[in-house]
Amino acid sequence: SLRLLGHVATVDVLCCALAERKLLLHSSNLANITPVAEAITSLMYPLQWSHAYVPILPRIMMEIIEAPQPY
């Protein structure tokens, strides 16, 4: 699943996750989102993402991306 991102983007996304920055994954194919998100959280082991984790966000909840906390 990380092959979808490529090695440079994978490292960038992992660094953002470890720094507790906001991460927003976007794809035209929804089937790609959850495996990539799960792979990133797995790479963080033994650390855990303690903020909001919503692999698929419905359009009606898009205001969540404006929240001040990491997601």
N, C-alpha and C. Protein backbone atom coordinates (compact mmCIF):
# COMPACT_ATOMS: atom_id res chain seq x y z
N SER A 1 0.81 -1.20 0.00
CA SER A 1 0.00 0.00 0.00
C SER A 1 0.86 1.26 0.00
N LEU A 2 2.05 1.20 0.59
CA LEU A 2 2.91 2.38 0.58
C LEU A 2 3.52 2.63 -0.80
N ARG A 3 3.45 1.65 -1.66
CA ARG A 3 3.92 1.86 -3.04
C ARG A 3 3.08 2.93 -3.74
N LEU A 4 1.85 3.11 -3.27
CA LEU A 4 0.99 4.16 -3.84
C LEU A 4 1.57 5.54 -3.59
N LEU A 5 2.26 5.72 -2.46
CA LEU A 5 2.85 7.02 -2.13
C LEU A 5 4.23 7.21 -2.74
N GLY A 6 4.99 6.15 -2.82
CA GLY A 6 6.39 6.27 -3.23
C GLY A 6 7.25 6.45 -1.99
N HIS A 7 8.55 6.22 -2.13
CA HIS A 7 9.42 6.22 -0.95
C HIS A 7 9.63 7.61 -0.36
N VAL A 8 9.73 8.64 -1.17
CA VAL A 8 9.94 9.99 -0.65
C VAL A 8 8.70 10.49 0.09
N ALA A 9 7.54 10.32 -0.51
CA ALA A 9 6.30 10.76 0.13
C ALA A 9 6.03 9.96 1.40
N THR A 10 6.37 8.68 1.41
CA THR A 10 6.18 7.85 2.61
C THR A 10 7.01 8.40 3.76
N VAL A 11 8.25 8.74 3.50
CA VAL A 11 9.11 9.30 4.55
C VAL A 11 8.56 10.66 5.01
N ASP A 12 8.12 11.48 4.08
CA ASP A 12 7.55 12.79 4.44
C ASP A 12 6.30 12.64 5.31
N VAL A 13 5.40 11.74 4.92
CA VAL A 13 4.17 11.54 5.69
C VAL A 13 4.49 10.96 7.06
N LEU A 14 5.43 10.03 7.13
CA LEU A 14 5.81 9.45 8.42
C LEU A 14 6.42 10.50 9.32
N CYS A 15 7.25 11.37 8.79
CA CYS A 15 7.84 12.46 9.59
C CYS A 15 6.75 13.40 10.11
N CYS A 16 5.78 13.70 9.29
CA CYS A 16 4.66 14.56 9.74
C CYS A 16 3.87 13.87 10.84
N ALA A 17 3.64 12.58 10.70
CA ALA A 17 2.89 11.84 11.72
C ALA A 17 3.67 11.82 13.04
N LEU A 18 4.96 11.58 12.97
CA LEU A 18 5.77 11.54 14.18
C LEU A 18 5.88 12.91 14.84
N ALA A 19 5.78 13.97 14.06
CA ALA A 19 5.82 15.33 14.59
C ALA A 19 4.43 15.82 14.99
N GLU A 20 3.44 14.94 14.91
CA GLU A 20 2.05 15.24 15.26
C GLU A 20 1.50 16.42 14.46
N ARG A 21 1.80 16.43 13.18
CA ARG A 21 1.26 17.46 12.29
C ARG A 21 -0.03 16.96 11.68
N LYS A 22 -0.81 17.86 11.12
CA LYS A 22 -2.05 17.47 10.45
C LYS A 22 -1.72 16.70 9.18
N LEU A 23 -2.43 15.61 8.97
CA LEU A 23 -2.25 14.81 7.76
C LEU A 23 -3.60 14.63 7.08
N LEU A 24 -3.63 14.91 5.81
CA LEU A 24 -4.84 14.72 5.03
C LEU A 24 -4.46 13.94 3.79
N LEU A 25 -4.96 12.73 3.68
CA LEU A 25 -4.69 11.89 2.52
C LEU A 25 -5.88 12.02 1.56
N HIS A 26 -5.59 12.18 0.29
CA HIS A 26 -6.64 12.36 -0.71
C HIS A 26 -6.36 11.43 -1.87
N SER A 27 -7.41 10.79 -2.35
CA SER A 27 -7.27 9.90 -3.50
C SER A 27 -8.58 9.85 -4.27
N SER A 28 -8.49 9.67 -5.56
CA SER A 28 -9.70 9.51 -6.37
C SER A 28 -10.28 8.11 -6.17
N ASN A 29 -9.50 7.22 -5.59
CA ASN A 29 -9.95 5.85 -5.31
C ASN A 29 -9.99 5.65 -3.80
N LEU A 30 -11.18 5.61 -3.23
CA LEU A 30 -11.32 5.47 -1.78
C LEU A 30 -10.70 4.19 -1.24
N ALA A 31 -10.59 3.18 -2.05
CA ALA A 31 -10.01 1.91 -1.60
C ALA A 31 -8.53 2.06 -1.26
N ASN A 32 -7.88 3.11 -1.71
CA ASN A 32 -6.46 3.32 -1.43
C ASN A 32 -6.20 4.04 -0.11
N ILE A 33 -7.18 4.78 0.39
CA ILE A 33 -6.96 5.63 1.56
C ILE A 33 -6.68 4.83 2.83
N THR A 34 -7.58 3.92 3.19
CA THR A 34 -7.44 3.20 4.45
C THR A 34 -6.16 2.37 4.51
N PRO A 35 -5.78 1.61 3.49
CA PRO A 35 -4.53 0.85 3.59
C PRO A 35 -3.30 1.74 3.78
N VAL A 36 -3.27 2.89 3.13
CA VAL A 36 -2.13 3.80 3.30
C VAL A 36 -2.12 4.38 4.71
N ALA A 37 -3.28 4.80 5.20
CA ALA A 37 -3.37 5.35 6.55
C ALA A 37 -2.98 4.31 7.59
N GLU A 38 -3.42 3.09 7.42
CA GLU A 38 -3.07 2.02 8.36
C GLU A 38 -1.59 1.69 8.29
N ALA A 39 -1.01 1.73 7.11
CA ALA A 39 0.42 1.46 6.97
C ALA A 39 1.25 2.53 7.69
N ILE A 40 0.84 3.78 7.58
CA ILE A 40 1.57 4.86 8.26
C ILE A 40 1.48 4.68 9.77
N THR A 41 0.29 4.37 10.29
CA THR A 41 0.16 4.17 11.74
C THR A 41 0.94 2.94 12.18
N SER A 42 1.04 1.94 11.34
CA SER A 42 1.83 0.74 11.68
C SER A 42 3.32 1.06 11.73
N LEU A 43 3.78 1.92 10.84
CA LEU A 43 5.20 2.30 10.83
C LEU A 43 5.59 3.09 12.07
N MET A 44 4.62 3.69 12.73
CA MET A 44 4.89 4.47 13.94
C MET A 44 5.15 3.57 15.16
N TYR A 45 4.87 2.28 15.05
CA TYR A 45 5.01 1.37 16.19
C TYR A 45 6.42 1.47 16.76
N PRO A 46 6.60 1.55 18.05
CA PRO A 46 5.69 1.31 19.17
C PRO A 46 4.92 2.56 19.59
N LEU A 47 5.08 3.68 18.88
CA LEU A 47 4.31 4.88 19.19
C LEU A 47 2.89 4.71 18.65
N GLN A 48 1.95 5.49 19.19
CA GLN A 48 0.57 5.43 18.73
C GLN A 48 0.07 6.82 18.43
N TRP A 49 -0.76 6.93 17.40
CA TRP A 49 -1.39 8.20 17.06
C TRP A 49 -2.50 8.43 18.08
N SER A 50 -2.41 9.48 18.86
CA SER A 50 -3.38 9.71 19.93
C SER A 50 -4.39 10.80 19.59
N HIS A 51 -4.38 11.27 18.38
CA HIS A 51 -5.30 12.33 17.96
C HIS A 51 -6.42 11.73 17.11
N ALA A 52 -7.28 12.57 16.57
CA ALA A 52 -8.38 12.09 15.74
C ALA A 52 -7.83 11.31 14.55
N TYR A 53 -8.43 10.16 14.31
CA TYR A 53 -8.03 9.29 13.20
C TYR A 53 -9.31 8.88 12.47
N VAL A 54 -9.52 9.46 11.30
CA VAL A 54 -10.71 9.17 10.50
C VAL A 54 -10.22 8.87 9.08
N PRO A 55 -10.02 7.59 8.75
CA PRO A 55 -9.50 7.26 7.42
C PRO A 55 -10.37 7.76 6.26
N ILE A 56 -11.68 7.67 6.41
CA ILE A 56 -12.58 8.15 5.37
C ILE A 56 -13.52 9.18 5.99
N LEU A 57 -13.45 10.41 5.52
CA LEU A 57 -14.26 11.49 6.07
C LEU A 57 -15.37 11.85 5.07
N PRO A 58 -16.63 11.70 5.48
CA PRO A 58 -17.73 12.09 4.58
C PRO A 58 -17.71 13.58 4.28
N ARG A 59 -18.18 13.95 3.13
CA ARG A 59 -18.18 15.37 2.73
C ARG A 59 -18.93 16.26 3.72
N ILE A 60 -19.96 15.75 4.34
CA ILE A 60 -20.74 16.59 5.26
C ILE A 60 -19.96 16.91 6.54
N MET A 61 -18.83 16.25 6.75
CA MET A 61 -18.01 16.50 7.94
C MET A 61 -16.70 17.22 7.61
N MET A 62 -16.62 17.85 6.45
CA MET A 62 -15.38 18.48 6.00
C MET A 62 -14.90 19.61 6.92
N GLU A 63 -15.77 20.19 7.74
CA GLU A 63 -15.34 21.25 8.64
C GLU A 63 -14.34 20.75 9.67
N ILE A 64 -14.24 19.45 9.85
CA ILE A 64 -13.28 18.88 10.80
C ILE A 64 -11.84 19.22 10.39
N ILE A 65 -11.59 19.37 9.09
CA ILE A 65 -10.22 19.64 8.66
C ILE A 65 -9.74 21.03 9.08
N GLU A 66 -10.65 21.87 9.56
CA GLU A 66 -10.28 23.18 10.05
C GLU A 66 -10.01 23.18 11.57
N ALA A 67 -10.10 22.02 12.19
CA ALA A 67 -9.89 21.92 13.64
C ALA A 67 -8.43 22.23 13.97
N PRO A 68 -8.18 22.82 15.14
CA PRO A 68 -6.82 23.21 15.50
C PRO A 68 -5.93 22.03 15.92
N GLN A 69 -6.50 20.90 16.31
CA GLN A 69 -5.70 19.77 16.75
C GLN A 69 -5.27 18.91 15.55
N PRO A 70 -4.21 18.13 15.72
CA PRO A 70 -3.77 17.24 14.64
C PRO A 70 -4.83 16.19 14.33
N TYR A 71 -4.86 15.77 13.09
CA TYR A 71 -5.74 14.69 12.67
C TYR A 71 -5.05 13.86 11.63
